[in-house]
C-alpha atoms as a PDB file:
ATOM      1  CA  MET A   1      -6.579  -1.034 -10.981  1.00  0.00           C
ATOM      2  CA  LEU A   2      -3.624  -2.932  -9.469  1.00  0.00           C
ATOM      3  CA  GLN A   3      -0.132  -2.299 -10.833  1.00  0.00           C
ATOM      4  CA  VAL A   4       2.820  -4.328  -9.527  1.00  0.00           C
ATOM      5  CA  ASP A   5       6.322  -3.380 -10.690  1.00  0.00           C
ATOM      6  CA  GLY A   6       9.565  -5.154  -9.827  1.00  0.00           C
ATOM      7  CA  LEU A   7       8.370  -6.533  -6.485  1.00  0.00           C
ATOM      8  CA  SER A   8      11.077  -8.370  -4.527  1.00  0.00           C
ATOM      9  CA  VAL A   9      10.771  -9.972  -1.082  1.00  0.00           C
ATOM     10  CA  ARG A  10      13.300 -11.805   1.070  1.00  0.00           C
ATOM     11  CA  TYR A  11      12.930 -13.969   4.160  1.00  0.00           C
ATOM     12  CA  GLY A  12      16.418 -13.615   5.558  1.00  0.00           C
ATOM     13  CA  PRO A  13      18.751 -15.095   2.936  1.00  0.00           C
ATOM     14  CA  VAL A  14      15.860 -16.633   0.972  1.00  0.00           C
ATOM     15  CA  GLN A  15      14.601 -14.641  -2.021  1.00  0.00           C
ATOM     16  CA  ALA A  16      10.853 -15.330  -2.160  1.00  0.00           C
ATOM     17  CA  LEU A  17       9.950 -12.878  -4.955  1.00  0.00           C
ATOM     18  CA  ARG A  18      12.273 -11.586  -7.665  1.00  0.00           C
ATOM     19  CA  GLY A  19      11.195  -8.549  -9.647  1.00  0.00           C
ATOM     20  CA  VAL A  20       7.536  -9.573 -10.033  1.00  0.00           C
ATOM     21  CA  SER A  21       5.475  -7.330 -12.325  1.00  0.00           C
ATOM     22  CA  PHE A  22       1.859  -7.666 -13.509  1.00  0.00           C
ATOM     23  CA  THR A  23      -1.456  -5.786 -13.608  1.00  0.00           C
ATOM     24  CA  ALA A  24      -4.988  -6.671 -12.522  1.00  0.00           C
ATOM     25  CA  GLU A  25      -8.071  -4.851 -13.787  1.00  0.00           C
ATOM     26  CA  ASP A  26     -11.672  -4.274 -12.739  1.00  0.00           C
ATOM     27  CA  GLY A  27     -13.951  -7.202 -13.585  1.00  0.00           C
ATOM     28  CA  VAL A  28     -11.017  -9.432 -14.521  1.00  0.00           C
ATOM     29  CA  ILE A  29      -9.714 -12.623 -12.893  1.00  0.00           C
ATOM     30  CA  THR A  30      -5.920 -12.708 -12.945  1.00  0.00           C
ATOM     31  CA  THR A  31      -4.716 -16.113 -11.810  1.00  0.00           C
ATOM     32  CA  VAL A  32      -1.223 -16.618 -10.380  1.00  0.00           C
ATOM     33  CA  LEU A  33       0.016 -20.174 -10.848  1.00  0.00           C
ATOM     34  CA  GLY A  34       3.105 -22.148  -9.938  1.00  0.00           C
ATOM     35  CA  ALA A  35       4.439 -25.004  -7.871  1.00  0.00           C
ATOM     36  CA  ASN A  36       4.704 -24.998  -4.080  1.00  0.00           C
ATOM     37  CA  GLY A  37       7.375 -22.510  -3.070  1.00  0.00           C
ATOM     38  CA  ALA A  38       6.970 -20.405  -6.217  1.00  0.00           C
ATOM     39  CA  GLY A  39       6.074 -17.316  -4.149  1.00  0.00           C
ATOM     40  CA  LYS A  40       2.320 -17.175  -4.740  1.00  0.00           C
ATOM     41  CA  THR A  41       1.221 -16.778  -1.116  1.00  0.00           C
ATOM     42  CA  THR A  42       4.061 -14.347  -0.406  1.00  0.00           C
ATOM     43  CA  LEU A  43       2.822 -12.200  -3.274  1.00  0.00           C
ATOM     44  CA  LEU A  44      -0.703 -11.908  -1.836  1.00  0.00           C
ATOM     45  CA  ARG A  45       0.575 -11.332   1.689  1.00  0.00           C
ATOM     46  CA  THR A  46       2.794  -8.542   0.387  1.00  0.00           C
ATOM     47  CA  LEU A  47      -0.053  -6.858  -1.474  1.00  0.00           C
ATOM     48  CA  SER A  48      -2.259  -6.966   1.636  1.00  0.00           C
ATOM     49  CA  GLY A  49       0.442  -5.435   3.853  1.00  0.00           C
ATOM     50  CA  LEU A  50       1.365  -8.547   5.839  1.00  0.00           C
ATOM     51  CA  VAL A  51       4.877  -8.880   4.380  1.00  0.00           C
ATOM     52  CA  ARG A  52       7.410  -6.106   3.798  1.00  0.00           C
ATOM     53  CA  THR A  53       9.032  -5.627   0.412  1.00  0.00           C
ATOM     54  CA  HIS A  54      12.707  -5.052  -0.294  1.00  0.00           C
ATOM     55  CA  GLU A  55      12.361  -3.604  -3.776  1.00  0.00           C
ATOM     56  CA  GLY A  56       9.632  -2.608  -6.202  1.00  0.00           C
ATOM     57  CA  THR A  57       6.272  -0.892  -6.048  1.00  0.00           C
ATOM     58  CA  ALA A  58       2.582  -1.732  -6.034  1.00  0.00           C
ATOM     59  CA  THR A  59      -0.248   0.738  -6.540  1.00  0.00           C
ATOM     60  CA  PHE A  60      -4.040   0.501  -6.371  1.00  0.00           C
ATOM     61  CA  ASP A  61      -5.882   3.129  -8.388  1.00  0.00           C
ATOM     62  CA  GLY A  62      -2.601   5.032  -8.412  1.00  0.00           C
ATOM     63  CA  GLU A  63      -2.253   4.971  -4.616  1.00  0.00           C
ATOM     64  CA  PRO A  64       0.866   3.246  -3.202  1.00  0.00           C
ATOM     65  CA  LEU A  65       0.295   0.029  -1.260  1.00  0.00           C
ATOM     66  CA  ILE A  66       3.845  -0.576  -0.106  1.00  0.00           C
ATOM     67  CA  GLY A  67       4.392   0.581   3.459  1.00  0.00           C
ATOM     68  CA  LYS A  68       0.714   0.669   4.371  1.00  0.00           C
ATOM     69  CA  ASP A  69      -0.691  -1.541   7.138  1.00  0.00           C
ATOM     70  CA  PRO A  70      -3.303  -4.241   6.414  1.00  0.00           C
ATOM     71  CA  GLU A  71      -6.154  -2.220   7.923  1.00  0.00           C
ATOM     72  CA  THR A  72      -5.471   0.755   5.658  1.00  0.00           C
ATOM     73  CA  ILE A  73      -5.227  -1.492   2.605  1.00  0.00           C
ATOM     74  CA  ALA A  74      -8.538  -3.151   3.514  1.00  0.00           C
ATOM     75  CA  ARG A  75     -10.191   0.281   3.777  1.00  0.00           C
ATOM     76  CA  MET A  76      -8.862   1.085   0.287  1.00  0.00           C
ATOM     77  CA  GLY A  77     -11.043  -1.738  -1.057  1.00  0.00           C
ATOM     78  CA  ILE A  78      -8.721  -4.755  -1.156  1.00  0.00           C
ATOM     79  CA  ALA A  79     -10.002  -7.892   0.582  1.00  0.00           C
ATOM     80  CA  HIS A  80      -7.612 -10.786   1.256  1.00  0.00           C
ATOM     81  CA  VAL A  81      -9.010 -14.324   1.577  1.00  0.00           C
ATOM     82  CA  PRO A  82      -6.045 -16.269   3.011  1.00  0.00           C
ATOM     83  CA  GLU A  83      -5.331 -19.939   2.553  1.00  0.00           C
ATOM     84  CA  GLY A  84      -6.845 -22.315   5.080  1.00  0.00           C
ATOM     85  CA  ARG A  85     -10.508 -21.274   5.464  1.00  0.00           C
ATOM     86  CA  GLY A  86      -9.750 -19.417   8.704  1.00  0.00           C
ATOM     87  CA  VAL A  87     -12.904 -18.897  10.735  1.00  0.00           C
ATOM     88  CA  ILE A  88     -13.580 -18.204  14.411  1.00  0.00           C
ATOM     89  CA  ALA A  89     -15.259 -21.410  15.525  1.00  0.00           C
ATOM     90  CA  GLU A  90     -17.277 -19.821  18.340  1.00  0.00           C
ATOM     91  CA  LEU A  91     -18.902 -17.166  16.126  1.00  0.00           C
ATOM     92  CA  THR A  92     -22.020 -17.722  14.069  1.00  0.00           C
ATOM     93  CA  VAL A  93     -22.141 -17.186  10.315  1.00  0.00           C
ATOM     94  CA  ASP A  94     -24.016 -13.913  10.834  1.00  0.00           C
ATOM     95  CA  GLU A  95     -21.466 -12.692  13.380  1.00  0.00           C
ATOM     96  CA  HIS A  96     -18.632 -13.362  10.918  1.00  0.00           C
ATOM     97  CA  LEU A  97     -20.390 -11.278   8.299  1.00  0.00           C
ATOM     98  CA  ARG A  98     -21.087  -8.469  10.739  1.00  0.00           C
ATOM     99  CA  LEU A  99     -17.356  -8.352  11.474  1.00  0.00           C
ATOM    100  CA  GLY A 100     -16.672  -8.132   7.750  1.00  0.00           C
ATOM    101  CA  THR A 101     -18.728  -4.939   7.418  1.00  0.00           C
ATOM    102  CA  LEU A 102     -16.786  -2.951  10.005  1.00  0.00           C
ATOM    103  CA  SER A 103     -13.921  -1.640   7.855  1.00  0.00           C
ATOM    104  CA  ARG A 104     -15.781  -0.075   4.893  1.00  0.00           C
ATOM    105  CA  VAL A 105     -19.561  -0.270   5.166  1.00  0.00           C
ATOM    106  CA  PRO A 106     -21.539   2.565   6.821  1.00  0.00           C
ATOM    107  CA  ARG A 107     -23.554   1.413   9.817  1.00  0.00           C
ATOM    108  CA  SER A 108     -26.855   2.164   8.088  1.00  0.00           C
ATOM    109  CA  GLU A 109     -25.952  -0.136   5.162  1.00  0.00           C
ATOM    110  CA  ARG A 110     -24.454  -3.102   7.010  1.00  0.00           C
ATOM    111  CA  ARG A 111     -27.595  -5.227   7.210  1.00  0.00           C
ATOM    112  CA  THR A 112     -28.255  -4.690   3.509  1.00  0.00           C
ATOM    113  CA  ALA A 113     -24.679  -5.677   2.671  1.00  0.00           C
ATOM    114  CA  ILE A 114     -25.056  -8.883   4.677  1.00  0.00           C
ATOM    115  CA  GLU A 115     -28.357  -9.793   3.030  1.00  0.00           C
ATOM    116  CA  ASP A 116     -26.806  -9.175  -0.395  1.00  0.00           C
ATOM    117  CA  VAL A 117     -24.065 -11.675   0.397  1.00  0.00           C
ATOM    118  CA  TYR A 118     -26.598 -14.243   1.601  1.00  0.00           C
ATOM    119  CA  GLY A 119     -28.173 -13.897  -1.820  1.00  0.00           C
ATOM    120  CA  LEU A 120     -24.880 -14.990  -3.388  1.00  0.00           C
ATOM    121  CA  PHE A 121     -24.435 -17.891  -0.975  1.00  0.00           C
ATOM    122  CA  PRO A 122     -27.873 -19.411  -0.195  1.00  0.00           C
ATOM    123  CA  PRO A 123     -26.438 -22.292   1.905  1.00  0.00           C
ATOM    124  CA  LEU A 124     -25.046 -19.713   4.337  1.00  0.00           C
ATOM    125  CA  GLU A 125     -28.408 -18.000   4.733  1.00  0.00           C
ATOM    126  CA  SER A 126     -29.991 -21.169   6.068  1.00  0.00           C
ATOM    127  CA  ARG A 127     -27.089 -21.511   8.522  1.00  0.00           C
ATOM    128  CA  ARG A 128     -26.813 -17.882   9.594  1.00  0.00           C
ATOM    129  CA  HIS A 129     -27.304 -18.697  13.289  1.00  0.00           C
ATOM    130  CA  ARG A 130     -25.036 -21.756  13.330  1.00  0.00           C
ATOM    131  CA  HIS A 131     -21.526 -21.598  14.721  1.00  0.00           C
ATOM    132  CA  ALA A 132     -18.703 -21.801  12.190  1.00  0.00           C
ATOM    133  CA  ALA A 133     -17.410 -24.943  13.899  1.00  0.00           C
ATOM    134  CA  THR A 134     -20.457 -26.849  12.623  1.00  0.00           C
ATOM    135  CA  LEU A 135     -19.947 -25.972   8.947  1.00  0.00           C
ATOM    136  CA  SER A 136     -18.533 -28.312   6.311  1.00  0.00           C
ATOM    137  CA  GLY A 137     -15.287 -27.489   4.516  1.00  0.00           C
ATOM    138  CA  GLY A 138     -17.153 -26.130   1.517  1.00  0.00           C
ATOM    139  CA  GLU A 139     -19.426 -24.008   3.713  1.00  0.00           C
ATOM    140  CA  ARG A 140     -16.429 -22.581   5.549  1.00  0.00           C
ATOM    141  CA  GLN A 141     -14.879 -21.626   2.223  1.00  0.00           C
ATOM    142  CA  MET A 142     -18.120 -19.884   1.267  1.00  0.00           C
ATOM    143  CA  LEU A 143     -18.041 -18.061   4.598  1.00  0.00           C
ATOM    144  CA  VAL A 144     -14.507 -16.699   4.268  1.00  0.00           C
ATOM    145  CA  ILE A 145     -15.248 -15.459   0.734  1.00  0.00           C
ATOM    146  CA  ALA A 146     -18.562 -13.988   1.904  1.00  0.00           C
ATOM    147  CA  ARG A 147     -16.832 -12.289   4.846  1.00  0.00           C
ATOM    148  CA  ALA A 148     -14.470 -10.610   2.376  1.00  0.00           C
ATOM    149  CA  LEU A 149     -17.264  -9.637  -0.030  1.00  0.00           C
ATOM    150  CA  VAL A 150     -19.487  -8.080   2.599  1.00  0.00           C
ATOM    151  CA  SER A 151     -16.946  -5.264   2.942  1.00  0.00           C
ATOM    152  CA  ARG A 152     -17.816  -4.322  -0.667  1.00  0.00           C
ATOM    153  CA  PRO A 153     -14.247  -4.544  -1.977  1.00  0.00           C
ATOM    154  CA  ARG A 154     -13.071  -3.621  -5.457  1.00  0.00           C
ATOM    155  CA  LEU A 155     -10.317  -6.249  -5.493  1.00  0.00           C
ATOM    156  CA  LEU A 156     -10.243  -9.767  -4.040  1.00  0.00           C
ATOM    157  CA  LEU A 157      -6.968 -11.514  -3.239  1.00  0.00           C
ATOM    158  CA  LEU A 158      -7.841 -15.226  -3.102  1.00  0.00           C
ATOM    159  CA  ASP A 159      -5.273 -17.722  -1.830  1.00  0.00           C
ATOM    160  CA  GLU A 160      -5.993 -21.361  -2.762  1.00  0.00           C
ATOM    161  CA  PRO A 161      -9.801 -21.229  -2.414  1.00  0.00           C
ATOM    162  CA  SER A 162     -10.115 -24.802  -3.738  1.00  0.00           C
ATOM    163  CA  LEU A 163      -7.624 -26.340  -1.293  1.00  0.00           C
ATOM    164  CA  GLY A 164      -9.037 -29.505   0.278  1.00  0.00           C
ATOM    165  CA  LEU A 165     -12.436 -29.208  -1.387  1.00  0.00           C
ATOM    166  CA  ALA A 166     -14.257 -31.943  -3.291  1.00  0.00           C
ATOM    167  CA  PRO A 167     -14.235 -31.448  -7.081  1.00  0.00           C
ATOM    168  CA  ILE A 168     -17.916 -30.472  -7.234  1.00  0.00           C
ATOM    169  CA  VAL A 169     -17.430 -27.872  -4.471  1.00  0.00           C
ATOM    170  CA  THR A 170     -14.320 -26.579  -6.232  1.00  0.00           C
ATOM    171  CA  ALA A 171     -16.337 -26.110  -9.409  1.00  0.00           C
ATOM    172  CA  GLN A 172     -19.068 -24.253  -7.497  1.00  0.00           C
ATOM    173  CA  THR A 173     -16.491 -22.015  -5.808  1.00  0.00           C
ATOM    174  CA  MET A 174     -14.840 -21.118  -9.104  1.00  0.00           C
ATOM    175  CA  ALA A 175     -18.222 -20.431 -10.712  1.00  0.00           C
ATOM    176  CA  THR A 176     -19.078 -18.047  -7.865  1.00  0.00           C
ATOM    177  CA  ILE A 177     -15.783 -16.175  -8.309  1.00  0.00           C
ATOM    178  CA  ARG A 178     -16.469 -15.881 -12.035  1.00  0.00           C
ATOM    179  CA  GLN A 179     -19.981 -14.586 -11.324  1.00  0.00           C
ATOM    180  CA  LEU A 180     -18.668 -11.955  -8.912  1.00  0.00           C
ATOM    181  CA  THR A 181     -16.215 -10.508 -11.379  1.00  0.00           C
ATOM    182  CA  SER A 182     -18.545 -10.511 -14.380  1.00  0.00           C
ATOM    183  CA  ARG A 183     -21.679  -9.317 -12.579  1.00  0.00           C
ATOM    184  CA  GLU A 184     -20.295  -7.065  -9.856  1.00  0.00           C
ATOM    185  CA  GLY A 185     -17.189  -5.787 -11.668  1.00  0.00           C
ATOM    186  CA  ILE A 186     -14.890  -6.872  -8.837  1.00  0.00           C
ATOM    187  CA  GLY A 187     -11.316  -7.635  -9.815  1.00  0.00           C
ATOM    188  CA  ALA A 188      -9.647 -10.793  -8.493  1.00  0.00           C
ATOM    189  CA  VAL A 189      -6.107 -12.058  -8.106  1.00  0.00           C
ATOM    190  CA  LEU A 190      -6.559 -15.804  -7.773  1.00  0.00           C
ATOM    191  CA  VAL A 191      -3.650 -17.873  -6.458  1.00  0.00           C
ATOM    192  CA  GLU A 192      -4.142 -21.574  -7.111  1.00  0.00           C
ATOM    193  CA  GLN A 193      -2.320 -24.884  -7.013  1.00  0.00           C
ATOM    194  CA  ASN A 194      -5.214 -26.379  -8.985  1.00  0.00           C
ATOM    195  CA  ALA A 195      -4.196 -24.902 -12.325  1.00  0.00           C
ATOM    196  CA  ARG A 196      -6.996 -26.552 -14.306  1.00  0.00           C
ATOM    197  CA  SER A 197      -9.717 -24.970 -12.177  1.00  0.00           C
ATOM    198  CA  ALA A 198      -8.057 -21.561 -12.121  1.00  0.00           C
ATOM    199  CA  LEU A 199      -7.504 -21.470 -15.883  1.00  0.00           C
ATOM    200  CA  SER A 200     -11.125 -22.446 -16.483  1.00  0.00           C
ATOM    201  CA  VAL A 201     -12.356 -19.128 -15.025  1.00  0.00           C
ATOM    202  CA  ALA A 202      -9.395 -16.757 -15.458  1.00  0.00           C
ATOM    203  CA  ASP A 203      -9.054 -13.960 -17.997  1.00  0.00           C
ATOM    204  CA  TRP A 204      -5.276 -13.670 -17.625  1.00  0.00           C
ATOM    205  CA  ALA A 205      -2.632 -15.979 -16.177  1.00  0.00           C
ATOM    206  CA  VAL A 206       0.723 -15.264 -14.564  1.00  0.00           C
ATOM    207  CA  VAL A 207       3.102 -18.181 -13.925  1.00  0.00           C
ATOM    208  CA  LEU A 208       5.657 -17.924 -11.125  1.00  0.00           C
ATOM    209  CA  ASN A 209       8.724 -20.126 -10.774  1.00  0.00           C
ATOM    210  CA  LEU A 210      11.136 -19.641  -7.864  1.00  0.00           C
ATOM    211  CA  GLY A 211       9.731 -16.189  -7.228  1.00  0.00           C
ATOM    212  CA  GLN A 212       9.984 -14.945 -10.807  1.00  0.00           C
ATOM    213  CA  VAL A 213       7.386 -14.374 -13.506  1.00  0.00           C
ATOM    214  CA  VAL A 214       8.251 -16.837 -16.262  1.00  0.00           C
ATOM    215  CA  LEU A 215       5.109 -16.392 -18.338  1.00  0.00           C
ATOM    216  CA  ALA A 216       2.069 -14.109 -18.579  1.00  0.00           C
ATOM    217  CA  ASP A 217      -0.554 -14.883 -21.202  1.00  0.00           C
ATOM    218  CA  ARG A 218      -4.180 -15.702 -21.886  1.00  0.00           C
ATOM    219  CA  PRO A 219      -5.331 -18.964 -20.241  1.00  0.00           C
ATOM    220  CA  GLU A 220      -6.199 -20.702 -23.500  1.00  0.00           C
ATOM    221  CA  ARG A 221      -2.650 -20.230 -24.755  1.00  0.00           C
ATOM    222  CA  LEU A 222      -1.239 -21.820 -21.615  1.00  0.00           C
ATOM    223  CA  THR A 223      -3.565 -24.800 -21.775  1.00  0.00           C
ATOM    224  CA  ALA A 224      -2.759 -25.323 -25.463  1.00  0.00           C
ATOM    225  CA  ASP A 225       1.008 -25.588 -24.813  1.00  0.00           C
ATOM    226  CA  ALA A 226       1.551 -29.124 -23.484  1.00  0.00           C
ATOM    227  CA  ASP A 227       5.279 -28.679 -22.780  1.00  0.00           C
ATOM    228  CA  LEU A 228       4.680 -25.540 -20.747  1.00  0.00           C
ATOM    229  CA  ARG A 229       1.832 -27.129 -18.800  1.00  0.00           C
ATOM    230  CA  HIS A 230       3.901 -30.181 -17.904  1.00  0.00           C
ATOM    231  CA  HIS A 231       6.934 -28.134 -16.929  1.00  0.00           C
ATOM    232  CA  TYR A 232       5.307 -25.409 -14.814  1.00  0.00           C
ATOM    233  CA  LEU A 233       1.741 -26.443 -14.036  1.00  0.00           C
ATOM    234  CA  GLY A 234       1.952 -30.202 -13.557  1.00  0.00           C
ATOM    235  CA  PHE A 235      -0.773 -31.400 -15.919  1.00  0.00           C
END
């Protein structure tokens, strides 16, 4: 579904990505791991059209992504959940979800799409008329994922969804991502600093170091190699 070949990105003299290549498939969680500054967030921002590339290509279902604006990429079926649980404090939960339907969902199906998402996130349903400012950190994380899902994407780009969450909420968030891919067939590229959590749900793992892919393998092989874990993943 997603094919990335030789992607390179610079911020002025700083090389953020160096020839990154990997694939992501329908119904599969591909986790991208690495230390701070490895290029993980830059990778997602590039794929969603927020950062320009200097070399390389990326295609989605054979269609080029490079050079397209974020709105066009979103309409293609790629939903980006950025780091930081960004919500508009003055809007209610329901208003956030209504915004999420605008890019891809026909008007006649928008209410159904919203109700489907409430079914995935029951705590949000009971808070549908509350302003986002009143939600807990875990509820805000549910909301930003739900806002992406309500557009009925085929690929989710998730940037640090566990950041700042309590361990039990992190586990619930990861379980929901796993459920979405296995039940709905949505593909996911999951960027995480919390390597343990990401590897527990991923089907494939890509490790970045200083903007380069240093390893791509099945999660169980990464977790079984203690030297590799200590050197690149910090546990």
